[in-house]
Amino acid sequence: MAKMNIKQIAKKLKVSTATVSRALTPETQKLVNPKTLQKILNFTELYNYTPNQAARKLVTGKSNNIVAFFKPQPYSAFFDDYYSKFIAGLINAISPTSFNITISLIKDDASNFDLREAIEKTDDIAGAIFCSMGGFLKIAEQDFSDLKCPLLVLNMNISRTIENCFHIDNYKSAYDATEYLIKKGHKKIAIVKGKEGIDCTEARFNGYVSALLDNKLEPNPKFCFNSDFLDEDGAKAINYFFSKNKKERPTAVFFANDSMALNAILQLKKIGLTCPNDVSIMGFDGLNLGRYCDPPLTSVLQPAYEMAHDGITQIIELIKGTKKSIGTIVFPTKILERNSVKDLN
């Protein structure tokens, strides 16, 4: 049997299409007579009817579609569980609701993505989430106060232009990671920075430097290596820090992401060194993959799942009007202590 549409259901049950639409929308079911509501629900269950969101919009004049604007890095899009946690958070939060989620992949390479234009050009949109995972994309400076739908920004703090922002404190996270290494007895701590020009790169580097200075350790320019966040940069950093002509070597290396840190552990073995006996390695992200390397990787856990999950929950509140603003929320990170850091005390 061909799938019935909302008009056919209304005609079959001799009610209006608006009544059927209200009955199939959890937020408006209370507006329908209980007997009529039950009749409609029983009928749609019998025919396994799933509401078509485009049709619902035509009837109600409202969209139930939340669009997540998202630009993953090509080398990580399907292999890095940092992104899978993020997507799982979106999906699991949206599933029990009457809303849909659309992930709109950003193809622009420009440093300033025109989010306002992207939202205004999207017809079927009830709310928007801009996901700057990894901080690789920036929003053009402009006024977002009169957008046609609520907007939430994930993993970026731009509260000067957008009041609803979820992010982590990159400075404090790197500070805590560096101090963790110091408390383990390490005084020669190197850092592999992220991509230049990205806010999180500078914040994490500044946190690293501050932790050293606060513990009366002098930052060593020779213990700093710039990267593009690429896996192979982990191996390049190891070759740089531990080349044969290096007289001064670090006892611990703090990497700006786990992908580089995992690659670094492999490279250490290739050059005849071991982790953590010869060199301690610490990452940033808390990837599940880190549990299965040898040794398991100590890392800073980013709450990618929680940010995405809570983001959906909160933006639905904005769409419904039960909240006028979310504000800026800083999500805590924590250190996943595994076995890649040696205690020198």
Protein backbone atom coordinates (compact mmCIF):
# COMPACT_ATOMS: atom_id res chain seq x y z
CA MET A 1 0.00 0.00 0.00
CA ALA A 2 1.34 3.46 -0.96
CA LYS A 3 2.23 5.75 1.89
CA MET A 4 -0.61 8.10 2.86
CA ASN A 5 -0.07 11.82 3.16
CA ILE A 6 -1.49 14.15 5.79
CA LYS A 7 -4.38 15.28 3.56
CA GLN A 8 -5.45 11.70 2.88
CA ILE A 9 -5.37 10.91 6.60
CA ALA A 10 -7.50 13.97 7.33
CA LYS A 11 -10.02 13.00 4.63
CA LYS A 12 -10.16 9.40 5.82
CA LEU A 13 -10.81 10.42 9.44
CA LYS A 14 -13.04 13.38 8.48
CA VAL A 15 -10.96 15.97 10.34
CA SER A 16 -8.96 18.97 9.15
CA THR A 17 -5.35 18.71 8.04
CA ALA A 18 -4.46 21.20 10.79
CA THR A 19 -5.93 18.84 13.41
CA VAL A 20 -3.87 15.94 12.06
CA SER A 21 -0.76 18.09 12.08
CA ARG A 22 -1.35 19.15 15.69
CA ALA A 23 -1.95 15.54 16.70
CA LEU A 24 1.34 14.45 15.16
CA THR A 25 3.35 17.22 16.81
CA PRO A 26 4.10 16.51 20.51
CA GLU A 27 4.18 20.20 21.36
CA THR A 28 0.62 20.79 20.06
CA GLN A 29 -1.11 17.51 20.91
CA LYS A 30 -2.71 19.12 23.97
CA LEU A 31 -4.74 21.32 21.60
CA VAL A 32 -6.53 18.30 20.11
CA ASN A 33 -9.60 16.66 21.61
CA PRO A 34 -8.38 13.51 23.45
CA LYS A 35 -10.71 11.17 21.54
CA THR A 36 -9.74 12.71 18.20
CA LEU A 37 -6.07 12.59 19.16
CA GLN A 38 -6.25 8.90 20.01
CA LYS A 39 -8.10 8.15 16.79
CA ILE A 40 -5.43 9.87 14.71
CA LEU A 41 -2.55 8.25 16.58
CA ASN A 42 -4.10 4.79 16.26
CA PHE A 43 -4.65 5.31 12.53
CA THR A 44 -1.09 6.55 11.86
CA GLU A 45 0.35 3.70 13.91
CA LEU A 46 -1.68 1.18 11.94
CA TYR A 47 -0.27 2.51 8.66
CA ASN A 48 3.26 3.19 10.03
CA TYR A 49 2.90 6.83 9.07
CA THR A 50 5.92 9.09 9.58
CA PRO A 51 5.21 12.84 9.32
CA ASN A 52 6.85 14.57 6.39
CA GLN A 53 8.57 17.66 7.71
CA ALA A 54 8.17 19.65 4.51
CA ALA A 55 4.43 18.90 4.46
CA ARG A 56 4.14 19.79 8.14
CA LYS A 57 5.77 23.15 7.44
CA LEU A 58 3.22 23.87 4.71
CA VAL A 59 0.37 23.16 7.14
CA THR A 60 1.74 24.84 10.26
CA GLY A 61 3.89 27.51 8.67
CA LYS A 62 6.73 26.41 10.96
CA SER A 63 9.85 24.40 10.34
CA ASN A 64 11.01 21.61 12.64
CA ASN A 65 14.43 21.43 11.04
CA ILE A 66 17.63 22.34 12.89
CA VAL A 67 20.61 22.92 10.60
CA ALA A 68 24.12 22.26 11.88
CA PHE A 69 26.70 24.08 9.77
CA PHE A 70 29.82 22.00 10.03
CA LYS A 71 33.28 21.82 8.44
CA PRO A 72 35.38 18.80 9.44
CA GLN A 73 38.99 18.54 8.40
CA PRO A 74 39.27 16.19 5.37
CA TYR A 75 41.79 13.89 7.04
CA SER A 76 39.58 13.43 10.10
CA ALA A 77 36.00 13.53 8.88
CA PHE A 78 35.33 9.81 9.04
CA PHE A 79 38.27 8.44 10.99
CA ASP A 80 38.56 10.66 14.05
CA ASP A 81 36.11 9.77 16.81
CA TYR A 82 36.23 13.39 17.96
CA TYR A 83 33.83 14.05 15.08
CA SER A 84 31.83 10.86 15.61
CA LYS A 85 31.21 11.85 19.24
CA PHE A 86 30.01 15.22 18.08
CA ILE A 87 27.62 13.77 15.50
CA ALA A 88 26.39 11.15 17.98
CA GLY A 89 25.57 13.95 20.42
CA LEU A 90 23.47 15.71 17.80
CA ILE A 91 21.61 12.56 16.77
CA ASN A 92 20.93 11.22 20.27
CA ALA A 93 19.58 14.57 21.43
CA ILE A 94 17.29 15.04 18.43
CA SER A 95 15.91 11.47 18.32
CA PRO A 96 13.28 11.72 21.11
CA THR A 97 11.96 15.06 19.81
CA SER A 98 9.74 16.06 16.90
CA PHE A 99 12.62 17.96 15.33
CA ASN A 100 14.97 16.94 12.55
CA ILE A 101 18.69 17.62 12.21
CA THR A 102 20.38 18.48 8.92
CA ILE A 103 24.17 18.62 8.75
CA SER A 104 25.22 21.19 6.19
CA LEU A 105 28.85 20.65 5.20
CA ILE A 106 30.66 23.93 4.64
CA LYS A 107 32.68 23.79 1.47
CA ASP A 108 34.15 27.30 1.65
CA ASP A 109 37.87 27.56 2.23
CA ALA A 110 37.61 31.24 3.16
CA SER A 111 38.69 32.13 6.69
CA ASN A 112 35.50 34.10 7.26
CA PHE A 113 32.38 32.03 6.61
CA ASP A 114 29.27 34.17 6.01
CA LEU A 115 26.93 32.44 8.45
CA ARG A 116 24.20 35.05 8.17
CA GLU A 117 23.94 34.55 4.42
CA ALA A 118 23.93 30.76 4.81
CA ILE A 119 21.04 30.93 7.31
CA GLU A 120 19.02 33.42 5.27
CA LYS A 121 19.36 31.27 2.14
CA THR A 122 18.09 28.15 3.97
CA ASP A 123 14.29 27.96 3.67
CA ASP A 124 13.51 25.01 5.93
CA ILE A 125 15.20 26.09 9.16
CA ALA A 126 13.90 26.47 12.71
CA GLY A 127 17.27 26.87 14.40
CA ALA A 128 20.94 26.94 13.46
CA ILE A 129 24.06 25.53 15.08
CA PHE A 130 27.47 26.64 13.87
CA CYS A 131 30.06 24.01 14.72
CA SER A 132 33.63 25.22 14.73
CA MET A 133 35.08 21.84 15.69
CA GLY A 134 38.83 22.26 15.80
CA GLY A 135 38.52 26.02 15.33
CA PHE A 136 39.37 25.80 11.63
CA LEU A 137 36.58 28.10 10.48
CA LYS A 138 35.72 31.59 11.65
CA ILE A 139 32.52 33.58 11.40
CA ALA A 140 32.67 36.95 9.66
CA GLU A 141 32.24 39.83 12.10
CA GLN A 142 28.64 41.03 11.77
CA ASP A 143 25.41 41.63 13.67
CA PHE A 144 23.38 38.46 14.31
CA SER A 145 20.70 40.03 16.50
CA ASP A 146 17.88 39.92 13.93
CA LEU A 147 18.29 36.44 12.44
CA LYS A 148 15.13 34.62 11.38
CA CYS A 149 15.90 31.74 13.75
CA PRO A 150 17.84 31.07 16.99
CA LEU A 151 21.58 30.50 16.63
CA LEU A 152 24.04 28.58 18.81
CA VAL A 153 27.80 28.42 18.28
CA LEU A 154 29.73 25.34 19.41
CA ASN A 155 33.43 25.22 20.29
CA MET A 156 34.03 28.93 19.88
CA ASN A 157 33.68 31.93 22.17
CA ILE A 158 32.44 34.91 20.17
CA SER A 159 30.00 36.26 22.73
CA ARG A 160 30.77 39.79 21.52
CA THR A 161 28.62 39.11 18.44
CA ILE A 162 26.61 35.97 19.34
CA GLU A 163 25.25 35.54 22.85
CA ASN A 164 24.74 31.76 22.71
CA CYS A 165 28.18 30.06 22.74
CA PHE A 166 29.33 26.67 24.03
CA HIS A 167 33.08 26.13 24.29
CA ILE A 168 35.93 24.83 26.43
CA ASP A 169 38.61 26.87 28.17
CA ASN A 170 41.61 26.01 25.98
CA TYR A 171 43.97 28.10 28.11
CA LYS A 172 43.04 26.37 31.37
CA SER A 173 42.97 22.93 29.73
CA ALA A 174 46.53 23.30 28.47
CA TYR A 175 47.61 24.85 31.76
CA ASP A 176 46.23 21.85 33.67
CA ALA A 177 47.86 19.38 31.26
CA THR A 178 51.26 21.05 31.59
CA GLU A 179 50.98 21.25 35.36
CA TYR A 180 50.05 17.57 35.42
CA LEU A 181 53.36 16.79 33.70
CA ILE A 182 55.23 19.08 36.10
CA LYS A 183 53.71 17.31 39.10
CA LYS A 184 54.93 14.04 37.60
CA GLY A 185 58.45 15.44 37.95
CA HIS A 186 58.99 16.70 34.39
CA LYS A 187 60.92 19.96 33.99
CA LYS A 188 61.88 19.69 30.31
CA ILE A 189 58.45 19.79 28.67
CA ALA A 190 58.09 20.39 24.94
CA ILE A 191 54.91 21.41 23.13
CA VAL A 192 53.68 20.68 19.63
CA LYS A 193 51.39 23.59 18.83
CA GLY A 194 48.43 23.49 16.49
CA LYS A 195 47.88 25.45 13.31
CA GLU A 196 48.93 29.09 13.42
CA GLY A 197 46.20 31.73 13.37
CA ILE A 198 43.64 29.59 15.20
CA ASP A 199 42.36 30.83 18.55
CA CYS A 200 42.66 27.47 20.31
CA THR A 201 46.29 27.15 19.20
CA GLU A 202 47.32 30.37 20.87
CA ALA A 203 45.19 29.75 23.96
CA ARG A 204 46.72 26.31 24.53
CA PHE A 205 50.25 27.61 23.97
CA ASN A 206 49.68 30.47 26.41
CA GLY A 207 48.33 28.01 28.98
CA TYR A 208 51.43 25.86 28.55
CA VAL A 209 53.78 28.84 29.00
CA SER A 210 51.89 30.16 32.03
CA ALA A 211 52.01 26.78 33.76
CA LEU A 212 55.78 26.63 33.28
CA LEU A 213 56.33 30.16 34.60
CA ASP A 214 54.01 29.67 37.58
CA ASN A 215 56.09 26.63 38.51
CA LYS A 216 59.36 28.57 38.08
CA LEU A 217 60.35 26.79 34.88
CA GLU A 218 61.75 28.82 32.00
CA PRO A 219 60.06 28.18 28.60
CA ASN A 220 62.60 26.90 26.07
CA PRO A 221 62.07 28.07 22.45
CA LYS A 222 63.82 24.88 21.29
CA PHE A 223 61.04 22.88 22.93
CA CYS A 224 58.33 24.37 20.70
CA PHE A 225 57.28 22.84 17.37
CA ASN A 226 54.60 24.25 15.03
CA SER A 227 52.15 21.89 13.32
CA ASP A 228 49.09 21.87 11.08
CA PHE A 229 47.26 19.40 13.34
CA LEU A 230 48.13 16.63 10.85
CA ASP A 231 48.92 13.08 11.96
CA GLU A 232 52.33 13.13 10.30
CA ASP A 233 53.30 16.23 12.27
CA GLY A 234 53.63 13.95 15.29
CA ALA A 235 56.45 12.04 13.63
CA LYS A 236 58.06 15.27 12.39
CA ALA A 237 58.05 16.68 15.92
CA ILE A 238 59.74 13.56 17.32
CA ASN A 239 62.43 13.73 14.63
CA TYR A 240 62.97 17.39 15.48
CA PHE A 241 63.20 16.99 19.26
CA PHE A 242 65.24 13.78 19.22
CA SER A 243 67.59 14.15 16.28
CA LYS A 244 71.12 12.91 16.95
CA ASN A 245 72.61 16.40 17.00
CA LYS A 246 70.25 17.60 19.75
CA LYS A 247 72.14 18.10 22.99
CA GLU A 248 69.07 19.03 25.02
CA ARG A 249 66.02 16.78 24.83
CA PRO A 250 62.63 16.99 26.52
CA THR A 251 61.46 14.31 28.94
CA ALA A 252 57.82 14.94 28.00
CA VAL A 253 56.01 16.24 24.91
CA PHE A 254 52.54 17.79 25.03
CA PHE A 255 50.68 17.55 21.71
CA ALA A 256 47.82 19.83 20.60
CA ASN A 257 45.77 16.82 19.50
CA ASP A 258 45.69 13.06 19.96
CA SER A 259 46.25 12.20 16.31
CA MET A 260 49.75 13.69 16.40
CA ALA A 261 50.47 12.18 19.82
CA LEU A 262 49.56 8.67 18.64
CA ASN A 263 51.75 9.05 15.58
CA ALA A 264 54.57 10.29 17.81
CA ILE A 265 54.49 7.11 19.91
CA LEU A 266 54.93 5.04 16.74
CA GLN A 267 57.81 7.24 15.59
CA LEU A 268 59.60 6.90 18.92
CA LYS A 269 59.71 3.13 18.41
CA LYS A 270 61.13 3.61 14.92
CA ILE A 271 64.06 5.63 16.23
CA GLY A 272 64.74 3.25 19.10
CA LEU A 273 63.06 5.12 21.96
CA THR A 274 60.12 4.02 24.08
CA CYS A 275 57.17 5.76 25.66
CA PRO A 276 57.03 6.43 28.58
CA ASN A 277 60.43 5.09 29.71
CA ASP A 278 62.44 7.41 27.46
CA VAL A 279 59.81 10.04 26.66
CA SER A 280 56.40 10.81 28.12
CA ILE A 281 53.66 11.73 25.63
CA MET A 282 50.46 13.63 26.34
CA GLY A 283 47.65 14.41 23.88
CA PHE A 284 44.59 16.61 23.64
CA ASP A 285 41.07 15.40 22.67
CA GLY A 286 40.60 12.15 24.56
CA LEU A 287 40.00 9.94 21.52
CA ASN A 288 38.79 6.40 22.22
CA LEU A 289 41.57 5.17 19.96
CA GLY A 290 44.04 6.33 22.59
CA ARG A 291 42.96 3.48 24.86
CA TYR A 292 44.23 0.88 22.42
CA CYS A 293 47.69 2.14 21.54
CA ASP A 294 50.83 0.90 23.28
CA PRO A 295 51.04 2.46 25.77
CA PRO A 296 47.49 3.86 26.18
CA LEU A 297 47.60 7.62 25.66
CA THR A 298 47.17 10.10 28.51
CA SER A 299 45.14 13.00 27.15
CA VAL A 300 42.88 15.97 27.81
CA LEU A 301 39.29 14.90 27.20
CA GLN A 302 37.18 17.35 25.22
CA PRO A 303 33.41 17.01 25.83
CA ALA A 304 32.47 16.96 22.13
CA TYR A 305 29.47 14.69 22.72
CA GLU A 306 28.16 16.73 25.65
CA MET A 307 28.48 20.05 23.84
CA ALA A 308 26.59 18.77 20.80
CA HIS A 309 23.93 16.99 22.86
CA ASP A 310 23.28 19.95 25.15
CA GLY A 311 23.40 22.28 22.14
CA ILE A 312 20.43 20.54 20.53
CA THR A 313 18.51 20.48 23.80
CA GLN A 314 19.07 24.16 24.42
CA ILE A 315 18.34 25.39 20.92
CA ILE A 316 15.01 23.54 20.94
CA GLU A 317 14.16 25.56 24.05
CA LEU A 318 14.95 28.73 22.12
CA ILE A 319 12.83 27.62 19.18
CA LYS A 320 9.87 26.85 21.43
CA GLY A 321 10.28 30.19 23.17
CA THR A 322 10.65 28.66 26.63
CA LYS A 323 14.04 30.36 26.79
CA LYS A 324 15.08 33.71 25.37
CA SER A 325 18.81 33.17 25.70
CA ILE A 326 21.31 30.50 26.66
CA GLY A 327 24.37 32.67 27.08
CA THR A 328 27.96 31.50 27.12
CA ILE A 329 28.64 28.12 28.73
CA VAL A 330 32.16 26.83 29.33
CA PHE A 331 32.32 23.03 29.37
CA PRO A 332 34.94 21.45 31.62
CA THR A 333 37.70 19.24 30.28
CA LYS A 334 39.50 16.59 32.30
CA ILE A 335 42.73 14.64 32.13
CA LEU A 336 42.39 11.01 31.08
CA GLU A 337 45.24 9.41 32.97
CA ARG A 338 46.49 6.33 31.16
CA ASN A 339 50.05 5.01 30.78
CA SER A 340 51.98 7.27 28.40
CA VAL A 341 53.32 9.59 31.13
CA LYS A 342 56.11 8.41 33.44
CA ASP A 343 56.28 9.61 37.02
CA LEU A 344 59.84 10.90 37.57
CA ASN A 345 59.37 11.66 41.25
